[in-house]
Amino acid sequence: MKRFGTNFLKNMFKLDYSQRSKNDLIAIFEAIKKDKPNAAREYAQKLKEYIELLVANPNMGNKCKNKNVKIECRVLVFKSHLVFYKIKAKGLLIIRIINSKENYNSKL
């Protein structure tokens, strides 16, 4: 029996970012970069790697209703950020990446 690696999973389950989530990533990077340029690159890279784990484990985040969010989605916690995403037929859509201290309901 042939073993399937992550390339197989990536072909089967696509990971997409909304424009707002791309802007969120840039804003996170820029905010950290002001004080710690090297830490900004490392944090952004680790955040993206953590998000990529969703390809193999799309249900690893909690249902949004557990966080009192009214839209149908899931949320993944990474350090001080919440990654909101939707599971689609053949992939995942990252909706927003928001600091957990912010009012995330107003930003979704």
N, C-alpha and C. Protein backbone atom coordinates (compact mmCIF):
# COMPACT_ATOMS: atom_id res chain seq x y z
N MET A 1 0.84 -1.17 0.00
CA MET A 1 0.00 0.00 0.00
C MET A 1 0.89 1.25 0.00
N LYS A 2 0.55 2.19 -0.85
CA LYS A 2 1.33 3.41 -0.98
C LYS A 2 0.97 4.39 0.14
N ARG A 3 2.00 5.03 0.70
CA ARG A 3 1.77 6.01 1.76
C ARG A 3 1.57 7.38 1.14
N PHE A 4 0.68 8.12 1.73
CA PHE A 4 0.39 9.47 1.23
C PHE A 4 1.06 10.49 2.15
N GLY A 5 1.80 11.41 1.56
CA GLY A 5 2.47 12.46 2.32
C GLY A 5 1.66 13.73 2.30
N THR A 6 2.26 14.80 2.80
CA THR A 6 1.55 16.07 2.88
C THR A 6 1.28 16.66 1.50
N ASN A 7 2.09 16.31 0.50
CA ASN A 7 1.81 16.81 -0.86
C ASN A 7 0.46 16.30 -1.33
N PHE A 8 0.16 15.05 -1.02
CA PHE A 8 -1.14 14.49 -1.37
C PHE A 8 -2.26 15.27 -0.68
N LEU A 9 -2.07 15.55 0.62
CA LEU A 9 -3.09 16.27 1.36
C LEU A 9 -3.26 17.69 0.83
N LYS A 10 -2.16 18.36 0.49
CA LYS A 10 -2.25 19.72 -0.02
C LYS A 10 -3.00 19.76 -1.35
N ASN A 11 -2.83 18.72 -2.16
CA ASN A 11 -3.55 18.66 -3.43
C ASN A 11 -5.04 18.41 -3.21
N MET A 12 -5.37 17.70 -2.16
CA MET A 12 -6.76 17.36 -1.89
C MET A 12 -7.49 18.47 -1.11
N PHE A 13 -6.78 19.15 -0.26
CA PHE A 13 -7.39 20.13 0.63
C PHE A 13 -6.61 21.42 0.53
N LYS A 14 -7.15 22.40 -0.16
CA LYS A 14 -6.46 23.65 -0.45
C LYS A 14 -6.65 24.66 0.68
N LEU A 15 -5.59 25.39 0.95
CA LEU A 15 -5.62 26.43 1.98
C LEU A 15 -5.59 27.79 1.30
N ASP A 16 -6.64 28.59 1.53
CA ASP A 16 -6.73 29.93 0.95
C ASP A 16 -6.84 30.95 2.06
N TYR A 17 -6.33 32.15 1.78
CA TYR A 17 -6.41 33.27 2.71
C TYR A 17 -7.30 34.35 2.09
N SER A 18 -8.23 34.88 2.87
CA SER A 18 -9.01 36.03 2.40
C SER A 18 -8.06 37.24 2.36
N GLN A 19 -8.46 38.27 1.64
CA GLN A 19 -7.63 39.48 1.58
C GLN A 19 -7.48 40.09 2.97
N ARG A 20 -8.55 40.04 3.75
CA ARG A 20 -8.49 40.59 5.11
C ARG A 20 -7.49 39.83 5.97
N SER A 21 -7.44 38.50 5.84
CA SER A 21 -6.48 37.73 6.64
C SER A 21 -5.04 37.98 6.18
N LYS A 22 -4.85 38.22 4.88
CA LYS A 22 -3.51 38.59 4.39
C LYS A 22 -3.10 39.93 4.99
N ASN A 23 -4.02 40.86 5.03
CA ASN A 23 -3.75 42.16 5.64
C ASN A 23 -3.46 42.02 7.13
N ASP A 24 -4.18 41.10 7.78
CA ASP A 24 -3.93 40.83 9.21
C ASP A 24 -2.50 40.34 9.43
N LEU A 25 -2.05 39.41 8.58
CA LEU A 25 -0.68 38.90 8.70
C LEU A 25 0.35 40.01 8.56
N ILE A 26 0.14 40.88 7.61
CA ILE A 26 1.06 42.00 7.40
C ILE A 26 1.05 42.92 8.62
N ALA A 27 -0.12 43.22 9.15
CA ALA A 27 -0.24 44.10 10.31
C ALA A 27 0.43 43.49 11.54
N ILE A 28 0.27 42.19 11.73
CA ILE A 28 0.91 41.49 12.85
C ILE A 28 2.43 41.61 12.72
N PHE A 29 2.93 41.34 11.52
CA PHE A 29 4.36 41.42 11.26
C PHE A 29 4.89 42.83 11.53
N GLU A 30 4.20 43.82 11.00
CA GLU A 30 4.64 45.21 11.16
C GLU A 30 4.61 45.66 12.63
N ALA A 31 3.61 45.24 13.37
CA ALA A 31 3.50 45.62 14.78
C ALA A 31 4.66 45.06 15.60
N ILE A 32 5.00 43.81 15.36
CA ILE A 32 6.10 43.19 16.10
C ILE A 32 7.44 43.75 15.63
N LYS A 33 7.54 44.02 14.35
CA LYS A 33 8.79 44.51 13.74
C LYS A 33 9.26 45.84 14.34
N LYS A 34 8.32 46.66 14.77
CA LYS A 34 8.68 47.97 15.35
C LYS A 34 9.68 47.81 16.50
N ASP A 35 9.47 46.82 17.33
CA ASP A 35 10.33 46.63 18.50
C ASP A 35 11.36 45.51 18.31
N LYS A 36 10.97 44.48 17.58
CA LYS A 36 11.83 43.30 17.45
C LYS A 36 11.79 42.75 16.03
N PRO A 37 12.61 43.29 15.12
CA PRO A 37 12.57 42.86 13.72
C PRO A 37 12.77 41.35 13.50
N ASN A 38 13.73 40.76 14.19
CA ASN A 38 13.97 39.32 14.02
C ASN A 38 12.83 38.49 14.57
N ALA A 39 12.27 38.92 15.68
CA ALA A 39 11.15 38.20 16.28
C ALA A 39 9.93 38.25 15.38
N ALA A 40 9.76 39.33 14.64
CA ALA A 40 8.61 39.48 13.74
C ALA A 40 8.62 38.41 12.66
N ARG A 41 9.78 38.22 12.05
CA ARG A 41 9.89 37.18 11.00
C ARG A 41 9.61 35.80 11.58
N GLU A 42 10.19 35.53 12.73
CA GLU A 42 10.02 34.22 13.36
C GLU A 42 8.56 33.96 13.75
N TYR A 43 7.92 34.96 14.34
CA TYR A 43 6.53 34.82 14.75
C TYR A 43 5.62 34.58 13.55
N ALA A 44 5.80 35.39 12.51
CA ALA A 44 4.97 35.25 11.31
C ALA A 44 5.16 33.88 10.67
N GLN A 45 6.40 33.41 10.62
CA GLN A 45 6.68 32.10 10.03
C GLN A 45 6.04 30.98 10.85
N LYS A 46 6.18 31.04 12.15
CA LYS A 46 5.58 29.99 13.01
C LYS A 46 4.06 30.03 12.94
N LEU A 47 3.50 31.22 12.84
CA LEU A 47 2.04 31.35 12.71
C LEU A 47 1.57 30.69 11.42
N LYS A 48 2.24 30.97 10.32
CA LYS A 48 1.86 30.37 9.04
C LYS A 48 2.03 28.84 9.07
N GLU A 49 3.10 28.35 9.68
CA GLU A 49 3.31 26.91 9.78
C GLU A 49 2.20 26.26 10.61
N TYR A 50 1.80 26.92 11.68
CA TYR A 50 0.73 26.40 12.52
C TYR A 50 -0.59 26.35 11.75
N ILE A 51 -0.86 27.39 10.99
CA ILE A 51 -2.07 27.42 10.16
C ILE A 51 -2.04 26.29 9.14
N GLU A 52 -0.89 26.00 8.58
CA GLU A 52 -0.77 24.93 7.58
C GLU A 52 -1.08 23.55 8.15
N LEU A 53 -1.00 23.40 9.46
CA LEU A 53 -1.38 22.13 10.09
C LEU A 53 -2.86 21.82 9.87
N LEU A 54 -3.63 22.86 9.60
CA LEU A 54 -5.07 22.66 9.35
C LEU A 54 -5.34 21.83 8.11
N VAL A 55 -4.40 21.81 7.16
CA VAL A 55 -4.59 21.03 5.94
C VAL A 55 -4.80 19.56 6.30
N ALA A 56 -3.99 19.06 7.22
CA ALA A 56 -4.11 17.66 7.63
C ALA A 56 -5.13 17.47 8.75
N ASN A 57 -5.41 18.54 9.49
CA ASN A 57 -6.30 18.46 10.66
C ASN A 57 -7.30 19.61 10.66
N PRO A 58 -8.22 19.66 9.71
CA PRO A 58 -9.11 20.82 9.59
C PRO A 58 -10.01 21.06 10.79
N ASN A 59 -10.24 20.05 11.60
CA ASN A 59 -11.13 20.22 12.76
C ASN A 59 -10.38 20.51 14.05
N MET A 60 -9.08 20.83 13.95
CA MET A 60 -8.31 21.04 15.18
C MET A 60 -8.70 22.33 15.89
N GLY A 61 -9.31 23.26 15.21
CA GLY A 61 -9.79 24.47 15.86
C GLY A 61 -11.14 24.23 16.51
N ASN A 62 -11.51 25.11 17.41
CA ASN A 62 -12.81 25.02 18.08
C ASN A 62 -13.90 25.63 17.20
N LYS A 63 -15.12 25.18 17.41
CA LYS A 63 -16.24 25.81 16.71
C LYS A 63 -16.41 27.22 17.22
N CYS A 64 -16.69 28.13 16.32
CA CYS A 64 -16.82 29.55 16.69
C CYS A 64 -17.92 29.80 17.71
N LYS A 65 -18.97 28.99 17.66
CA LYS A 65 -20.06 29.21 18.61
C LYS A 65 -19.57 29.04 20.05
N ASN A 66 -18.47 28.29 20.25
CA ASN A 66 -17.89 28.15 21.59
C ASN A 66 -17.24 29.45 22.07
N LYS A 67 -16.97 30.37 21.14
CA LYS A 67 -16.39 31.68 21.46
C LYS A 67 -17.44 32.79 21.30
N ASN A 68 -18.71 32.39 21.26
CA ASN A 68 -19.83 33.33 21.11
C ASN A 68 -19.77 34.13 19.81
N VAL A 69 -19.27 33.51 18.75
CA VAL A 69 -19.22 34.13 17.43
C VAL A 69 -20.46 33.66 16.67
N LYS A 70 -21.13 34.59 16.02
CA LYS A 70 -22.40 34.27 15.39
C LYS A 70 -22.29 33.66 13.99
N ILE A 71 -21.13 33.78 13.34
CA ILE A 71 -20.99 33.19 12.01
C ILE A 71 -20.50 31.74 12.13
N GLU A 72 -20.80 30.94 11.14
CA GLU A 72 -20.38 29.54 11.11
C GLU A 72 -18.91 29.48 10.70
N CYS A 73 -18.06 29.10 11.65
CA CYS A 73 -16.64 29.01 11.37
C CYS A 73 -15.97 28.20 12.47
N ARG A 74 -14.66 28.11 12.38
CA ARG A 74 -13.85 27.50 13.43
C ARG A 74 -12.76 28.49 13.80
N VAL A 75 -12.18 28.32 14.99
CA VAL A 75 -11.13 29.22 15.44
C VAL A 75 -9.96 28.41 16.00
N LEU A 76 -8.78 28.78 15.56
CA LEU A 76 -7.54 28.16 15.98
C LEU A 76 -6.77 29.18 16.81
N VAL A 77 -6.30 28.78 17.98
CA VAL A 77 -5.57 29.69 18.85
C VAL A 77 -4.07 29.48 18.64
N PHE A 78 -3.38 30.58 18.35
CA PHE A 78 -1.92 30.57 18.24
C PHE A 78 -1.37 31.71 19.08
N LYS A 79 -0.76 31.38 20.19
CA LYS A 79 -0.21 32.36 21.13
C LYS A 79 -1.26 33.43 21.42
N SER A 80 -1.02 34.68 21.01
CA SER A 80 -1.97 35.74 21.33
C SER A 80 -2.92 36.07 20.17
N HIS A 81 -2.99 35.17 19.18
CA HIS A 81 -3.85 35.42 18.03
C HIS A 81 -4.87 34.31 17.82
N LEU A 82 -6.01 34.73 17.29
CA LEU A 82 -7.08 33.81 16.94
C LEU A 82 -7.18 33.76 15.42
N VAL A 83 -7.14 32.56 14.88
CA VAL A 83 -7.23 32.36 13.43
C VAL A 83 -8.64 31.83 13.14
N PHE A 84 -9.46 32.64 12.50
CA PHE A 84 -10.82 32.25 12.16
C PHE A 84 -10.83 31.69 10.74
N TYR A 85 -11.45 30.53 10.57
CA TYR A 85 -11.46 29.89 9.25
C TYR A 85 -12.75 29.11 9.02
N LYS A 86 -13.01 28.86 7.74
CA LYS A 86 -14.16 28.06 7.33
C LYS A 86 -13.66 26.84 6.58
N ILE A 87 -14.33 25.73 6.81
CA ILE A 87 -14.05 24.51 6.07
C ILE A 87 -14.97 24.49 4.85
N LYS A 88 -14.37 24.45 3.68
CA LYS A 88 -15.12 24.43 2.43
C LYS A 88 -15.09 23.01 1.86
N ALA A 89 -15.74 22.79 0.74
CA ALA A 89 -15.82 21.46 0.13
C ALA A 89 -14.45 20.85 -0.14
N LYS A 90 -13.54 21.64 -0.70
CA LYS A 90 -12.22 21.11 -1.03
C LYS A 90 -11.09 21.93 -0.43
N GLY A 91 -11.37 22.57 0.68
CA GLY A 91 -10.30 23.35 1.27
C GLY A 91 -10.74 24.16 2.48
N LEU A 92 -9.84 25.02 2.87
CA LEU A 92 -10.05 25.88 4.01
C LEU A 92 -9.89 27.33 3.59
N LEU A 93 -10.66 28.20 4.19
CA LEU A 93 -10.52 29.63 3.94
C LEU A 93 -10.20 30.29 5.28
N ILE A 94 -9.04 30.92 5.36
CA ILE A 94 -8.67 31.69 6.54
C ILE A 94 -9.39 33.03 6.40
N ILE A 95 -10.29 33.33 7.34
CA ILE A 95 -11.12 34.52 7.26
C ILE A 95 -10.39 35.73 7.86
N ARG A 96 -9.95 35.59 9.09
CA ARG A 96 -9.28 36.68 9.80
C ARG A 96 -8.26 36.10 10.78
N ILE A 97 -7.27 36.92 11.14
CA ILE A 97 -6.31 36.59 12.19
C ILE A 97 -6.29 37.80 13.11
N ILE A 98 -6.82 37.63 14.32
CA ILE A 98 -7.08 38.76 15.20
C ILE A 98 -6.43 38.52 16.56
N ASN A 99 -5.88 39.57 17.14
CA ASN A 99 -5.32 39.49 18.48
C ASN A 99 -6.43 39.12 19.45
N SER A 100 -6.16 38.19 20.34
CA SER A 100 -7.19 37.70 21.26
C SER A 100 -7.67 38.76 22.24
N LYS A 101 -6.91 39.84 22.40
CA LYS A 101 -7.32 40.92 23.31
C LYS A 101 -8.32 41.88 22.66
N GLU A 102 -8.44 41.79 21.34
CA GLU A 102 -9.35 42.68 20.62
C GLU A 102 -10.77 42.13 20.62
N ASN A 103 -11.72 42.98 20.31
CA ASN A 103 -13.11 42.56 20.17
C ASN A 103 -13.26 41.90 18.80
N TYR A 104 -13.04 40.61 18.75
CA TYR A 104 -13.03 39.89 17.47
C TYR A 104 -14.41 39.82 16.85
N ASN A 105 -15.48 39.83 17.64
CA ASN A 105 -16.83 39.77 17.07
C ASN A 105 -17.10 40.96 16.15
N SER A 106 -16.57 42.11 16.50
CA SER A 106 -16.80 43.30 15.68
C SER A 106 -15.96 43.29 14.40
N LYS A 107 -14.98 42.42 14.32
CA LYS A 107 -14.08 42.38 13.16
C LYS A 107 -14.40 41.25 12.18
N LEU A 108 -15.35 40.43 12.52
CA LEU A 108 -15.70 39.31 11.63
C LEU A 108 -16.84 39.64 10.70
